[in-house]
C-alpha atoms as a PDB file:
ATOM      1  CA  ASP A   1     -20.372 -71.675   9.815  1.00  0.00           C
ATOM      2  CA  GLY A   2     -21.996 -69.101   7.583  1.00  0.00           C
ATOM      3  CA  ILE A   3     -22.010 -67.189   4.312  1.00  0.00           C
ATOM      4  CA  SER A   4     -20.054 -64.009   3.611  1.00  0.00           C
ATOM      5  CA  ILE A   5     -21.040 -61.570   0.866  1.00  0.00           C
ATOM      6  CA  GLU A   6     -18.201 -59.169   0.101  1.00  0.00           C
ATOM      7  CA  GLY A   7     -18.039 -56.408  -2.478  1.00  0.00           C
ATOM      8  CA  ASP A   8     -15.111 -56.261  -4.881  1.00  0.00           C
ATOM      9  CA  ALA A   9     -12.429 -53.967  -3.419  1.00  0.00           C
ATOM     10  CA  LYS A  10     -11.373 -52.896  -6.927  1.00  0.00           C
ATOM     11  CA  HIS A  11     -14.206 -50.362  -6.984  1.00  0.00           C
ATOM     12  CA  VAL A  12     -12.782 -48.581  -3.951  1.00  0.00           C
ATOM     13  CA  ASN A  13      -9.329 -48.518  -5.521  1.00  0.00           C
ATOM     14  CA  ILE A  14     -10.638 -47.194  -8.834  1.00  0.00           C
ATOM     15  CA  ILE A  15     -12.553 -44.373  -7.132  1.00  0.00           C
ATOM     16  CA  VAL A  16      -9.781 -43.363  -4.725  1.00  0.00           C
ATOM     17  CA  ASN A  17      -7.024 -43.485  -7.339  1.00  0.00           C
ATOM     18  CA  GLY A  18      -9.140 -41.835 -10.016  1.00  0.00           C
ATOM     19  CA  TRP A  19      -9.755 -38.829  -7.771  1.00  0.00           C
ATOM     20  CA  HIS A  20      -6.169 -38.802  -6.429  1.00  0.00           C
ATOM     21  CA  MET A  21      -7.282 -39.067  -2.805  1.00  0.00           C
ATOM     22  CA  GLN A  22      -4.921 -41.798  -1.604  1.00  0.00           C
ATOM     23  CA  GLN A  23      -3.621 -39.560   1.201  1.00  0.00           C
ATOM     24  CA  SER A  24      -6.864 -37.796   2.130  1.00  0.00           C
ATOM     25  CA  ASN A  25      -8.157 -37.740   5.680  1.00  0.00           C
ATOM     26  CA  THR A  26     -10.989 -40.121   6.543  1.00  0.00           C
ATOM     27  CA  VAL A  27     -14.420 -39.217   7.941  1.00  0.00           C
ATOM     28  CA  ASP A  28     -17.099 -41.016   9.948  1.00  0.00           C
ATOM     29  CA  THR A  29     -20.091 -40.288   7.700  1.00  0.00           C
ATOM     30  CA  PRO A  30     -20.521 -40.386   3.908  1.00  0.00           C
ATOM     31  CA  MET A  31     -23.030 -37.506   3.704  1.00  0.00           C
ATOM     32  CA  THR A  32     -24.261 -34.538   5.717  1.00  0.00           C
ATOM     33  CA  GLY A  33     -27.613 -32.800   5.680  1.00  0.00           C
ATOM     34  CA  GLU A  34     -26.035 -29.556   4.521  1.00  0.00           C
ATOM     35  CA  LEU A  35     -24.332 -31.123   1.498  1.00  0.00           C
ATOM     36  CA  ALA A  36     -27.471 -33.076   0.598  1.00  0.00           C
ATOM     37  CA  GLN A  37     -29.458 -29.910  -0.107  1.00  0.00           C
ATOM     38  CA  VAL A  38     -30.147 -29.118  -3.762  1.00  0.00           C
ATOM     39  CA  THR A  39     -28.720 -25.803  -4.904  1.00  0.00           C
ATOM     40  CA  GLU A  40     -30.133 -24.411  -8.145  1.00  0.00           C
ATOM     41  CA  ASN A  41     -28.451 -21.002  -8.242  1.00  0.00           C
ATOM     42  CA  ILE A  42     -24.985 -22.205  -9.248  1.00  0.00           C
ATOM     43  CA  PRO A  43     -23.784 -22.990 -12.798  1.00  0.00           C
ATOM     44  CA  LEU A  44     -23.713 -26.453 -14.308  1.00  0.00           C
ATOM     45  CA  MET A  45     -20.522 -28.478 -14.669  1.00  0.00           C
ATOM     46  CA  SER A  46     -18.754 -28.580 -17.998  1.00  0.00           C
ATOM     47  CA  GLU A  47     -19.360 -31.604 -20.224  1.00  0.00           C
ATOM     48  CA  SER A  48     -16.030 -33.216 -19.340  1.00  0.00           C
ATOM     49  CA  GLU A  49     -16.569 -32.622 -15.620  1.00  0.00           C
ATOM     50  CA  SER A  50     -20.084 -34.065 -15.861  1.00  0.00           C
ATOM     51  CA  LYS A  51     -18.787 -37.287 -17.395  1.00  0.00           C
ATOM     52  CA  GLY A  52     -16.298 -37.810 -14.579  1.00  0.00           C
ATOM     53  CA  TYR A  53     -18.922 -36.981 -11.981  1.00  0.00           C
ATOM     54  CA  ARG A  54     -21.495 -39.381 -13.421  1.00  0.00           C
ATOM     55  CA  ARG A  55     -18.892 -42.132 -13.705  1.00  0.00           C
ATOM     56  CA  VAL A  56     -17.952 -42.064 -10.028  1.00  0.00           C
ATOM     57  CA  VAL A  57     -21.577 -41.650  -8.888  1.00  0.00           C
ATOM     58  CA  ALA A  58     -22.601 -44.731 -10.881  1.00  0.00           C
ATOM     59  CA  ARG A  59     -19.844 -46.734  -9.211  1.00  0.00           C
ATOM     60  CA  ILE A  60     -20.848 -45.545  -5.729  1.00  0.00           C
ATOM     61  CA  ASN A  61     -24.453 -46.442  -6.550  1.00  0.00           C
ATOM     62  CA  TYR A  62     -23.319 -49.966  -7.467  1.00  0.00           C
ATOM     63  CA  MET A  63     -21.399 -50.280  -4.197  1.00  0.00           C
ATOM     64  CA  ALA A  64     -24.477 -49.184  -2.223  1.00  0.00           C
ATOM     65  CA  HIS A  65     -26.288 -52.373  -3.215  1.00  0.00           C
ATOM     66  CA  TYR A  66     -24.063 -54.371  -0.870  1.00  0.00           C
ATOM     67  CA  SER A  67     -23.124 -51.528   1.509  1.00  0.00           C
ATOM     68  CA  CYS A  68     -26.174 -50.201   3.300  1.00  0.00           C
ATOM     69  CA  ASP A  69     -24.085 -47.439   4.894  1.00  0.00           C
ATOM     70  CA  LEU A  70     -23.699 -45.875   1.442  1.00  0.00           C
ATOM     71  CA  SER A  71     -27.426 -45.985   0.654  1.00  0.00           C
ATOM     72  CA  SER A  72     -28.229 -42.442   1.781  1.00  0.00           C
ATOM     73  CA  ALA A  73     -25.204 -40.860   0.116  1.00  0.00           C
ATOM     74  CA  SER A  74     -25.875 -42.761  -3.108  1.00  0.00           C
ATOM     75  CA  ASN A  75     -29.460 -41.520  -3.185  1.00  0.00           C
ATOM     76  CA  VAL A  76     -28.295 -37.909  -2.843  1.00  0.00           C
ATOM     77  CA  LEU A  77     -25.629 -38.255  -5.530  1.00  0.00           C
ATOM     78  CA  THR A  78     -27.826 -39.981  -8.117  1.00  0.00           C
ATOM     79  CA  GLN A  79     -30.448 -37.218  -7.919  1.00  0.00           C
ATOM     80  CA  SER A  80     -27.914 -34.803  -9.394  1.00  0.00           C
ATOM     81  CA  MET A  81     -26.683 -36.981 -12.259  1.00  0.00           C
ATOM     82  CA  ALA A  82     -28.947 -35.352 -14.852  1.00  0.00           C
ATOM     83  CA  GLN A  83     -27.644 -31.845 -14.189  1.00  0.00           C
ATOM     84  CA  PRO A  84     -24.556 -31.898 -11.979  1.00  0.00           C
ATOM     85  CA  ARG A  85     -23.586 -28.432 -10.804  1.00  0.00           C
ATOM     86  CA  ALA A  86     -20.265 -26.849  -9.997  1.00  0.00           C
ATOM     87  CA  GLY A  87     -19.261 -27.637  -6.448  1.00  0.00           C
ATOM     88  CA  TYR A  88     -20.988 -31.036  -6.294  1.00  0.00           C
ATOM     89  CA  GLU A  89     -17.524 -32.611  -6.297  1.00  0.00           C
ATOM     90  CA  VAL A  90     -17.466 -31.902  -2.562  1.00  0.00           C
ATOM     91  CA  ARG A  91     -20.180 -34.520  -2.087  1.00  0.00           C
ATOM     92  CA  VAL A  92     -18.191 -37.133  -3.959  1.00  0.00           C
ATOM     93  CA  LYS A  93     -15.017 -36.333  -2.062  1.00  0.00           C
ATOM     94  CA  LEU A  94     -16.794 -36.783   1.262  1.00  0.00           C
ATOM     95  CA  VAL A  95     -17.976 -40.252   0.202  1.00  0.00           C
ATOM     96  CA  ILE A  96     -14.467 -41.146  -0.959  1.00  0.00           C
ATOM     97  CA  ARG A  97     -12.984 -40.052   2.365  1.00  0.00           C
ATOM     98  CA  TYR A  98     -15.557 -42.270   4.077  1.00  0.00           C
ATOM     99  CA  ILE A  99     -14.904 -45.394   2.002  1.00  0.00           C
ATOM    100  CA  ARG A 100     -11.183 -44.922   2.563  1.00  0.00           C
ATOM    101  CA  ARG A 101     -11.931 -45.418   6.252  1.00  0.00           C
ATOM    102  CA  LEU A 102     -13.977 -48.590   5.547  1.00  0.00           C
ATOM    103  CA  PRO A 103     -12.733 -49.956   2.209  1.00  0.00           C
ATOM    104  CA  ILE A 104     -13.881 -53.556   2.790  1.00  0.00           C
ATOM    105  CA  ARG A 105     -17.489 -54.406   3.632  1.00  0.00           C
ATOM    106  CA  VAL A 106     -18.670 -57.913   4.432  1.00  0.00           C
ATOM    107  CA  ASN A 107     -22.274 -58.951   5.014  1.00  0.00           C
ATOM    108  CA  TYR A 108     -21.817 -62.059   7.157  1.00  0.00           C
ATOM    109  CA  MET A 109     -24.773 -64.424   7.580  1.00  0.00           C
ATOM    110  CA  ARG A 110     -24.191 -67.065  10.232  1.00  0.00           C
ATOM    111  CA  PHE A 111     -26.106 -70.310   9.772  1.00  0.00           C
ATOM    112  CA  GLN A 112     -29.078 -70.442  12.170  1.00  0.00           C
ATOM    113  CA  ASP A 113     -31.361 -73.233  13.278  1.00  0.00           C
ATOM    114  CA  GLY A 114     -34.940 -73.529  12.149  1.00  0.00           C
ATOM    115  CA  ASN A 115     -36.918 -72.749   9.007  1.00  0.00           C
ATOM    116  CA  SER A 116     -39.346 -70.292  10.550  1.00  0.00           C
ATOM    117  CA  GLY A 117     -38.680 -66.841  11.860  1.00  0.00           C
ATOM    118  CA  ASN A 118     -40.074 -63.347  11.928  1.00  0.00           C
ATOM    119  CA  LEU A 119     -39.510 -60.936   9.102  1.00  0.00           C
ATOM    120  CA  GLU A 120     -38.628 -57.618  10.724  1.00  0.00           C
ATOM    121  CA  ILE A 121     -38.963 -54.287   8.913  1.00  0.00           C
ATOM    122  CA  PHE A 122     -37.434 -51.185  10.470  1.00  0.00           C
ATOM    123  CA  VAL A 123     -38.683 -47.978   8.825  1.00  0.00           C
ATOM    124  CA  ASP A 124     -38.176 -44.273   9.348  1.00  0.00           C
ATOM    125  CA  SER A 125     -38.482 -41.008   7.452  1.00  0.00           C
ATOM    126  CA  ASP A 126     -37.641 -37.366   7.643  1.00  0.00           C
ATOM    127  CA  TRP A 127     -40.311 -34.752   6.977  1.00  0.00           C
ATOM    128  CA  ALA A 128     -39.670 -32.274   4.172  1.00  0.00           C
ATOM    129  CA  GLY A 129     -35.970 -33.020   4.364  1.00  0.00           C
ATOM    130  CA  ASP A 130     -35.411 -31.456   0.948  1.00  0.00           C
ATOM    131  CA  VAL A 131     -35.848 -27.732   1.597  1.00  0.00           C
ATOM    132  CA  VAL A 132     -36.366 -26.980  -2.119  1.00  0.00           C
ATOM    133  CA  THR A 133     -38.972 -29.584  -3.120  1.00  0.00           C
ATOM    134  CA  ARG A 134     -40.329 -30.134   0.427  1.00  0.00           C
ATOM    135  CA  ARG A 135     -40.313 -33.872  -0.219  1.00  0.00           C
ATOM    136  CA  SER A 136     -39.620 -36.378   2.525  1.00  0.00           C
ATOM    137  CA  THR A 137     -37.347 -39.395   2.414  1.00  0.00           C
ATOM    138  CA  SER A 138     -38.170 -42.974   3.422  1.00  0.00           C
ATOM    139  CA  GLY A 139     -35.573 -45.404   4.687  1.00  0.00           C
ATOM    140  CA  GLY A 140     -35.632 -48.937   5.995  1.00  0.00           C
ATOM    141  CA  VAL A 141     -34.071 -52.334   6.396  1.00  0.00           C
ATOM    142  CA  LEU A 142     -35.537 -55.833   6.206  1.00  0.00           C
ATOM    143  CA  ARG A 143     -34.147 -58.562   8.455  1.00  0.00           C
ATOM    144  CA  ARG A 144     -34.815 -62.185   9.227  1.00  0.00           C
ATOM    145  CA  TYR A 145     -33.192 -63.317  12.475  1.00  0.00           C
ATOM    146  CA  ASN A 146     -29.925 -61.380  12.404  1.00  0.00           C
ATOM    147  CA  HIS A 147     -29.652 -61.398   8.623  1.00  0.00           C
ATOM    148  CA  LEU A 148     -29.917 -58.184   6.652  1.00  0.00           C
ATOM    149  CA  LEU A 149     -31.918 -59.096   3.541  1.00  0.00           C
ATOM    150  CA  CYS A 150     -32.382 -55.706   1.895  1.00  0.00           C
ATOM    151  CA  HIS A 151     -32.301 -51.985   2.547  1.00  0.00           C
ATOM    152  CA  TRP A 152     -33.550 -48.833   0.862  1.00  0.00           C
ATOM    153  CA  ARG A 153     -33.475 -45.053   0.984  1.00  0.00           C
ATOM    154  CA  LYS A 154     -35.907 -43.321  -1.377  1.00  0.00           C
ATOM    155  CA  THR A 155     -37.345 -39.865  -1.872  1.00  0.00           C
ATOM    156  CA  GLN A 156     -41.126 -39.977  -1.521  1.00  0.00           C
ATOM    157  CA  ALA A 157     -43.110 -39.306  -4.701  1.00  0.00           C
ATOM    158  CA  THR A 158     -45.649 -37.008  -3.040  1.00  0.00           C
ATOM    159  CA  ILE A 159     -45.241 -34.092  -0.646  1.00  0.00           C
ATOM    160  CA  ALA A 160     -46.293 -35.175   2.841  1.00  0.00           C
ATOM    161  CA  LEU A 161     -48.349 -32.548   4.687  1.00  0.00           C
ATOM    162  CA  SER A 162     -47.279 -33.738   8.137  1.00  0.00           C
ATOM    163  CA  SER A 163     -44.582 -35.802   9.818  1.00  0.00           C
ATOM    164  CA  GLY A 164     -47.197 -38.487  10.501  1.00  0.00           C
ATOM    165  CA  GLU A 165     -48.020 -38.766   6.798  1.00  0.00           C
ATOM    166  CA  ALA A 166     -44.329 -39.035   5.945  1.00  0.00           C
ATOM    167  CA  GLU A 167     -43.928 -41.835   8.493  1.00  0.00           C
ATOM    168  CA  VAL A 168     -46.983 -43.681   7.143  1.00  0.00           C
ATOM    169  CA  ASN A 169     -45.539 -43.491   3.623  1.00  0.00           C
ATOM    170  CA  ALA A 170     -42.308 -44.999   4.960  1.00  0.00           C
ATOM    171  CA  ALA A 171     -44.240 -47.813   6.647  1.00  0.00           C
ATOM    172  CA  VAL A 172     -46.194 -48.562   3.456  1.00  0.00           C
ATOM    173  CA  LYS A 173     -42.926 -48.740   1.502  1.00  0.00           C
ATOM    174  CA  GLY A 174     -41.559 -51.197   4.075  1.00  0.00           C
ATOM    175  CA  VAL A 175     -44.615 -53.448   3.911  1.00  0.00           C
ATOM    176  CA  SER A 176     -44.529 -53.482   0.103  1.00  0.00           C
ATOM    177  CA  ALA A 177     -40.858 -54.484   0.217  1.00  0.00           C
ATOM    178  CA  VAL A 178     -41.569 -57.448   2.479  1.00  0.00           C
ATOM    179  CA  ILE A 179     -44.338 -58.955   0.329  1.00  0.00           C
ATOM    180  CA  GLY A 180     -41.990 -60.381  -2.294  1.00  0.00           C
ATOM    181  CA  VAL A 181     -39.558 -61.738   0.295  1.00  0.00           C
ATOM    182  CA  TYR A 182     -42.430 -63.271   2.235  1.00  0.00           C
ATOM    183  CA  GLU A 183     -43.714 -65.145  -0.824  1.00  0.00           C
ATOM    184  CA  ILE A 184     -40.236 -66.439  -1.683  1.00  0.00           C
ATOM    185  CA  LEU A 185     -39.670 -67.748   1.834  1.00  0.00           C
ATOM    186  CA  LYS A 186     -43.035 -69.511   1.802  1.00  0.00           C
ATOM    187  CA  GLU A 187     -41.862 -71.402  -1.280  1.00  0.00           C
ATOM    188  CA  ILE A 188     -38.412 -72.444  -0.020  1.00  0.00           C
ATOM    189  CA  THR A 189     -39.095 -73.186   3.675  1.00  0.00           C
ATOM    190  CA  SER A 190     -40.946 -76.163   5.086  1.00  0.00           C
ATOM    191  CA  ASN A 191     -42.635 -74.190   7.864  1.00  0.00           C
ATOM    192  CA  ASP A 192     -44.891 -71.174   7.678  1.00  0.00           C
ATOM    193  CA  LEU A 193     -43.503 -67.855   8.766  1.00  0.00           C
ATOM    194  CA  THR A 194     -44.679 -66.776  12.184  1.00  0.00           C
ATOM    195  CA  HIS A 195     -45.044 -63.016  11.827  1.00  0.00           C
ATOM    196  CA  VAL A 196     -44.191 -59.970   9.808  1.00  0.00           C
ATOM    197  CA  GLN A 197     -43.259 -57.184  12.213  1.00  0.00           C
ATOM    198  CA  VAL A 198     -42.959 -53.502  11.349  1.00  0.00           C
ATOM    199  CA  PHE A 199     -40.947 -51.266  13.670  1.00  0.00           C
ATOM    200  CA  THR A 200     -41.364 -47.484  13.630  1.00  0.00           C
ATOM    201  CA  ASP A 201     -40.661 -44.709  16.127  1.00  0.00           C
ATOM    202  CA  SER A 202     -43.751 -42.736  15.074  1.00  0.00           C
ATOM    203  CA  SER A 203     -46.873 -43.096  17.196  1.00  0.00           C
ATOM    204  CA  ALA A 204     -48.900 -41.250  14.532  1.00  0.00           C
ATOM    205  CA  SER A 205     -48.056 -43.739  11.785  1.00  0.00           C
ATOM    206  CA  LYS A 206     -48.586 -46.679  14.136  1.00  0.00           C
ATOM    207  CA  GLY A 207     -52.078 -45.482  14.991  1.00  0.00           C
ATOM    208  CA  THR A 208     -52.963 -44.883  11.353  1.00  0.00           C
ATOM    209  CA  VAL A 209     -51.741 -48.296  10.227  1.00  0.00           C
ATOM    210  CA  MET A 210     -53.565 -50.051  13.086  1.00  0.00           C
ATOM    211  CA  ARG A 211     -56.852 -48.305  12.201  1.00  0.00           C
ATOM    212  CA  HIS A 212     -56.616 -49.319   8.526  1.00  0.00           C
END
């Protein structure tokens, strides 16, 4: 009655066993705002430590493609791969404690009637969430019916001068993500799509988008 997409559990086992955290306590979130902050006044990891750090971060980044709950943590970890610093292991250990709580993730898509349906984009952003660079972060998910089609969490390329600008940037990212999916669905479905809907909690970005 549907399709299940499940990530390979071997990645969880490799990470947990490789960091010897089989008996560690579990947590409810893979990342915190405090740990996500960049700290530049601490020394770099040694070469051997950097290799181990990059190895586990790359695996977590792979898992985030099918686990949207790891998207934010993966984004934070990958930003430090070029120059990992002493103490960044705490970030990795928090993620490992989280995936120990939820080692198996299944994206279940139940078969649904009809060829047409709205494409729904839910977008949000923080404003100057990175206290060092003052850059904001965009996040969003794309759904059709109850199906999660894709998700993202990305640091914005420019420095937003207001929360409204940060929210508009997030909305633009969401609309650009839907264009490719929209064109694919037009090719494979017999009926035209009804609407593309963008959902945001920012009245400033909504007004700006409506005007333009």
